[in-house]
């Protein structure tokens, strides 16, 4: 059974900001980064548990995939209609505080 992948507004804003930032130096590389992030997110519909748990939290449902210098952070929801929520995309050097994980992002 496939999971439905849903992007939060915050994650969409993060992706837009990343694209704009990278585009200043290289429009081509910006398109590559966005493509890789979107492809990684789509791949979660079949294999949501393939990624690592987040280093800040001990929660099996909160996971991350590192793409280039960015962490795609998502939450897995099981049930009758399983889904993945893309919560945020942040620079990989950034450590997050637990209060930054607003589940209704």
N, C-alpha and C. Protein backbone atom coordinates (compact mmCIF):
# COMPACT_ATOMS: atom_id res chain seq x y z
N UNK A 1 0.84 -1.18 0.00
CA UNK A 1 0.00 0.00 0.00
C UNK A 1 0.89 1.25 0.00
N UNK A 2 0.55 2.17 -0.88
CA UNK A 2 1.32 3.41 -0.96
C UNK A 2 0.82 4.43 0.07
N UNK A 3 1.74 5.23 0.54
CA UNK A 3 1.43 6.35 1.42
C UNK A 3 1.17 7.57 0.55
N UNK A 4 0.30 8.44 1.00
CA UNK A 4 0.08 9.71 0.30
C UNK A 4 1.10 10.71 0.85
N UNK A 5 1.77 11.41 -0.02
CA UNK A 5 2.78 12.40 0.39
C UNK A 5 2.14 13.79 0.34
N UNK A 6 2.18 14.48 1.49
CA UNK A 6 1.56 15.80 1.62
C UNK A 6 2.64 16.79 2.07
N UNK A 7 2.72 17.92 1.39
CA UNK A 7 3.67 18.97 1.76
C UNK A 7 2.96 20.00 2.63
N UNK A 8 3.55 20.36 3.76
CA UNK A 8 3.00 21.45 4.57
C UNK A 8 3.36 22.78 3.91
N UNK A 9 2.64 23.82 4.29
CA UNK A 9 2.96 25.16 3.76
C UNK A 9 4.38 25.56 4.11
N UNK A 10 4.79 25.21 5.32
CA UNK A 10 6.15 25.55 5.75
C UNK A 10 7.21 24.88 4.88
N UNK A 11 6.99 23.61 4.54
CA UNK A 11 7.96 22.89 3.70
C UNK A 11 8.00 23.48 2.29
N UNK A 12 6.84 23.85 1.76
CA UNK A 12 6.81 24.48 0.43
C UNK A 12 7.57 25.80 0.46
N UNK A 13 7.37 26.57 1.52
CA UNK A 13 8.10 27.84 1.66
C UNK A 13 9.60 27.59 1.78
N UNK A 14 9.99 26.55 2.53
CA UNK A 14 11.41 26.22 2.65
C UNK A 14 12.01 25.89 1.29
N UNK A 15 11.30 25.08 0.50
CA UNK A 15 11.80 24.69 -0.81
C UNK A 15 11.92 25.91 -1.73
N UNK A 16 10.96 26.79 -1.68
CA UNK A 16 11.00 28.01 -2.49
C UNK A 16 12.19 28.88 -2.09
N UNK A 17 12.40 29.03 -0.78
CA UNK A 17 13.53 29.83 -0.29
C UNK A 17 14.87 29.23 -0.73
N UNK A 18 14.98 27.92 -0.64
CA UNK A 18 16.21 27.24 -1.05
C UNK A 18 16.46 27.47 -2.54
N UNK A 19 15.43 27.31 -3.33
CA UNK A 19 15.56 27.50 -4.78
C UNK A 19 16.01 28.92 -5.10
N UNK A 20 15.41 29.90 -4.44
CA UNK A 20 15.78 31.30 -4.68
C UNK A 20 17.22 31.58 -4.25
N UNK A 21 17.61 31.02 -3.13
CA UNK A 21 18.97 31.22 -2.62
C UNK A 21 20.01 30.63 -3.56
N UNK A 22 19.80 29.38 -3.97
CA UNK A 22 20.77 28.71 -4.84
C UNK A 22 20.78 29.34 -6.23
N UNK A 23 19.62 29.81 -6.66
CA UNK A 23 19.48 30.42 -7.99
C UNK A 23 20.36 31.66 -8.16
N UNK A 24 20.65 32.34 -7.06
CA UNK A 24 21.52 33.53 -7.15
C UNK A 24 22.89 33.19 -7.75
N UNK A 25 23.39 32.00 -7.41
CA UNK A 25 24.68 31.57 -7.94
C UNK A 25 24.56 30.74 -9.20
N UNK A 26 23.50 29.91 -9.25
CA UNK A 26 23.37 29.01 -10.39
C UNK A 26 21.92 28.59 -10.59
N UNK A 27 21.25 29.15 -11.59
CA UNK A 27 19.88 28.72 -11.88
C UNK A 27 19.81 27.22 -12.19
N UNK A 28 20.83 26.71 -12.87
CA UNK A 28 20.84 25.28 -13.20
C UNK A 28 20.90 24.44 -11.93
N UNK A 29 21.85 24.75 -11.04
CA UNK A 29 22.00 23.97 -9.82
C UNK A 29 20.74 24.09 -8.95
N UNK A 30 20.10 25.24 -8.94
CA UNK A 30 18.85 25.41 -8.19
C UNK A 30 17.80 24.42 -8.69
N UNK A 31 17.69 24.29 -10.01
CA UNK A 31 16.69 23.36 -10.55
C UNK A 31 17.05 21.91 -10.22
N UNK A 32 18.34 21.59 -10.19
CA UNK A 32 18.78 20.24 -9.84
C UNK A 32 18.45 19.94 -8.37
N UNK A 33 18.74 20.87 -7.49
CA UNK A 33 18.47 20.68 -6.06
C UNK A 33 16.98 20.47 -5.82
N UNK A 34 16.14 21.31 -6.41
CA UNK A 34 14.69 21.18 -6.26
C UNK A 34 14.21 19.84 -6.81
N UNK A 35 14.71 19.45 -7.97
CA UNK A 35 14.33 18.17 -8.57
C UNK A 35 14.69 17.01 -7.64
N UNK A 36 15.90 17.01 -7.09
CA UNK A 36 16.34 15.93 -6.20
C UNK A 36 15.50 15.87 -4.93
N UNK A 37 15.18 17.02 -4.36
CA UNK A 37 14.36 17.05 -3.15
C UNK A 37 12.96 16.52 -3.44
N UNK A 38 12.37 16.97 -4.53
CA UNK A 38 11.02 16.51 -4.88
C UNK A 38 11.00 15.02 -5.21
N UNK A 39 12.05 14.53 -5.87
CA UNK A 39 12.15 13.11 -6.18
C UNK A 39 12.27 12.28 -4.89
N UNK A 40 13.08 12.75 -3.96
CA UNK A 40 13.23 12.05 -2.68
C UNK A 40 11.88 12.00 -1.94
N UNK A 41 11.15 13.10 -1.95
CA UNK A 41 9.84 13.14 -1.28
C UNK A 41 8.87 12.15 -1.93
N UNK A 42 8.85 12.11 -3.26
CA UNK A 42 7.95 11.17 -3.96
C UNK A 42 8.29 9.71 -3.63
N UNK A 43 9.57 9.44 -3.45
CA UNK A 43 10.00 8.05 -3.19
C UNK A 43 9.48 7.53 -1.84
N UNK A 44 9.09 8.43 -0.97
CA UNK A 44 8.61 8.03 0.36
C UNK A 44 7.26 7.32 0.31
N UNK A 45 6.52 7.49 -0.75
CA UNK A 45 5.21 6.86 -0.80
C UNK A 45 5.29 5.34 -0.78
N UNK A 46 6.40 4.80 -1.25
CA UNK A 46 6.59 3.34 -1.22
C UNK A 46 7.44 2.89 -0.03
N UNK A 47 8.43 3.67 0.34
CA UNK A 47 9.39 3.25 1.36
C UNK A 47 9.61 4.34 2.42
N UNK A 48 8.61 4.63 3.24
CA UNK A 48 8.75 5.74 4.18
C UNK A 48 9.75 5.49 5.32
N UNK A 49 9.99 4.22 5.64
CA UNK A 49 10.89 3.93 6.76
C UNK A 49 12.34 3.73 6.32
N UNK A 50 12.64 4.01 5.07
CA UNK A 50 14.01 3.80 4.56
C UNK A 50 14.99 4.83 5.09
N UNK A 51 14.51 5.95 5.50
CA UNK A 51 15.38 7.04 5.95
C UNK A 51 15.69 6.90 7.45
N UNK A 52 16.66 7.69 7.88
CA UNK A 52 17.08 7.67 9.29
C UNK A 52 16.11 8.43 10.17
N UNK A 53 16.06 8.01 11.42
CA UNK A 53 15.36 8.81 12.42
C UNK A 53 16.11 10.13 12.56
N UNK A 54 15.40 11.14 12.97
CA UNK A 54 16.04 12.43 13.19
C UNK A 54 17.01 12.34 14.35
N UNK A 55 18.13 13.01 14.23
CA UNK A 55 19.15 12.94 15.27
C UNK A 55 18.75 13.66 16.56
N UNK A 56 17.83 14.61 16.46
CA UNK A 56 17.42 15.38 17.64
C UNK A 56 16.37 14.68 18.49
N UNK A 57 15.60 13.80 17.89
CA UNK A 57 14.46 13.21 18.59
C UNK A 57 14.47 11.69 18.48
N UNK A 58 13.98 11.05 19.51
CA UNK A 58 13.84 9.60 19.49
C UNK A 58 12.38 9.27 19.18
N UNK A 59 12.00 9.46 17.93
CA UNK A 59 10.63 9.24 17.50
C UNK A 59 10.69 8.51 16.17
N UNK A 60 10.17 7.29 16.15
CA UNK A 60 10.24 6.46 14.95
C UNK A 60 9.47 7.04 13.78
N UNK A 61 8.53 7.93 14.05
CA UNK A 61 7.71 8.48 12.98
C UNK A 61 8.33 9.73 12.34
N UNK A 62 9.26 10.37 13.01
CA UNK A 62 9.94 11.56 12.47
C UNK A 62 11.27 11.14 11.86
N UNK A 63 11.42 11.38 10.59
CA UNK A 63 12.60 10.91 9.87
C UNK A 63 13.14 12.00 8.96
N UNK A 64 14.33 11.74 8.42
CA UNK A 64 14.95 12.72 7.54
C UNK A 64 15.74 12.04 6.44
N UNK A 65 15.78 12.71 5.31
CA UNK A 65 16.63 12.32 4.19
C UNK A 65 17.53 13.52 3.92
N UNK A 66 18.81 13.27 3.76
CA UNK A 66 19.74 14.34 3.43
C UNK A 66 19.96 14.35 1.92
N UNK A 67 19.69 15.51 1.32
CA UNK A 67 19.88 15.72 -0.11
C UNK A 67 20.82 16.91 -0.25
N UNK A 68 21.99 16.65 -0.81
CA UNK A 68 23.04 17.67 -0.88
C UNK A 68 23.25 18.24 0.52
N UNK A 69 23.03 19.54 0.72
CA UNK A 69 23.25 20.16 2.04
C UNK A 69 21.95 20.36 2.81
N UNK A 70 20.89 19.67 2.45
CA UNK A 70 19.58 19.92 3.06
C UNK A 70 18.97 18.65 3.65
N UNK A 71 18.25 18.85 4.73
CA UNK A 71 17.54 17.78 5.41
C UNK A 71 16.05 17.91 5.11
N UNK A 72 15.49 16.91 4.45
CA UNK A 72 14.07 16.84 4.22
C UNK A 72 13.48 16.08 5.41
N UNK A 73 12.71 16.77 6.23
CA UNK A 73 12.19 16.20 7.48
C UNK A 73 10.71 15.92 7.30
N UNK A 74 10.33 14.70 7.67
CA UNK A 74 8.94 14.29 7.46
C UNK A 74 8.44 13.43 8.61
N UNK A 75 7.11 13.31 8.66
CA UNK A 75 6.47 12.49 9.68
C UNK A 75 5.60 11.45 8.99
N UNK A 76 5.61 10.24 9.54
CA UNK A 76 4.83 9.13 8.99
C UNK A 76 3.57 8.96 9.83
N UNK A 77 2.44 8.89 9.14
CA UNK A 77 1.15 8.65 9.79
C UNK A 77 0.59 7.33 9.25
N UNK A 78 0.38 6.38 10.15
CA UNK A 78 -0.20 5.09 9.78
C UNK A 78 -1.73 5.19 9.88
N UNK A 79 -2.40 4.12 9.55
CA UNK A 79 -3.86 4.09 9.68
C UNK A 79 -4.52 3.67 8.38
N UNK A 80 -5.81 3.91 8.32
CA UNK A 80 -6.56 3.51 7.13
C UNK A 80 -6.10 4.26 5.88
N UNK A 81 -5.71 5.51 6.07
CA UNK A 81 -5.21 6.31 4.95
C UNK A 81 -3.80 6.79 5.30
N UNK A 82 -2.81 5.91 5.16
CA UNK A 82 -1.45 6.28 5.56
C UNK A 82 -0.91 7.43 4.72
N UNK A 83 -0.19 8.31 5.41
CA UNK A 83 0.36 9.47 4.69
C UNK A 83 1.71 9.85 5.27
N UNK A 84 2.43 10.60 4.48
CA UNK A 84 3.70 11.20 4.85
C UNK A 84 3.48 12.71 4.79
N UNK A 85 3.86 13.41 5.84
CA UNK A 85 3.81 14.87 5.80
C UNK A 85 5.23 15.41 5.76
N UNK A 86 5.55 16.12 4.69
CA UNK A 86 6.83 16.79 4.60
C UNK A 86 6.72 18.02 5.48
N UNK A 87 7.49 18.05 6.56
CA UNK A 87 7.36 19.11 7.56
C UNK A 87 8.24 20.32 7.27
N UNK A 88 9.49 20.07 6.89
CA UNK A 88 10.40 21.19 6.65
C UNK A 88 11.62 20.69 5.90
N UNK A 89 12.32 21.65 5.33
CA UNK A 89 13.60 21.39 4.69
C UNK A 89 14.56 22.43 5.25
N UNK A 90 15.62 21.95 5.89
CA UNK A 90 16.58 22.85 6.53
C UNK A 90 18.00 22.47 6.13
N UNK A 91 18.92 23.38 6.34
CA UNK A 91 20.32 23.10 6.05
C UNK A 91 20.80 21.97 6.96
N UNK A 92 21.62 21.09 6.42
CA UNK A 92 22.04 19.91 7.17
C UNK A 92 22.92 20.22 8.38
N UNK A 93 23.53 21.39 8.41
CA UNK A 93 24.37 21.75 9.56
C UNK A 93 23.52 22.22 10.74
N UNK A 94 22.28 22.50 10.50
CA UNK A 94 21.42 23.06 11.55
C UNK A 94 20.85 21.97 12.44
N UNK A 95 21.04 22.14 13.75
CA UNK A 95 20.40 21.27 14.74
C UNK A 95 19.09 21.96 15.14
N UNK A 96 18.05 21.20 15.22
CA UNK A 96 16.73 21.75 15.53
C UNK A 96 16.37 21.50 16.99
N UNK A 97 15.56 22.38 17.53
CA UNK A 97 15.02 22.23 18.88
C UNK A 97 13.67 21.51 18.77
N UNK A 98 13.31 20.76 19.78
CA UNK A 98 12.07 20.00 19.72
C UNK A 98 10.84 20.89 19.55
N UNK A 99 10.90 22.12 20.03
CA UNK A 99 9.74 23.01 19.89
C UNK A 99 9.56 23.52 18.45
N UNK A 100 10.53 23.23 17.58
CA UNK A 100 10.40 23.64 16.17
C UNK A 100 9.54 22.66 15.38
N UNK A 101 9.20 21.56 15.99
CA UNK A 101 8.42 20.53 15.28
C UNK A 101 6.94 20.70 15.57
N UNK A 102 6.36 21.64 14.89
CA UNK A 102 4.93 21.86 15.02
C UNK A 102 4.24 20.87 14.10
N UNK A 103 3.54 19.96 14.66
CA UNK A 103 2.94 18.89 13.85
C UNK A 103 1.86 19.39 12.90
N UNK A 104 1.34 20.57 13.16
CA UNK A 104 0.37 21.17 12.24
C UNK A 104 1.03 22.30 11.47
N UNK A 105 2.20 22.06 10.98
CA UNK A 105 3.05 23.03 10.30
C UNK A 105 2.34 23.66 9.12
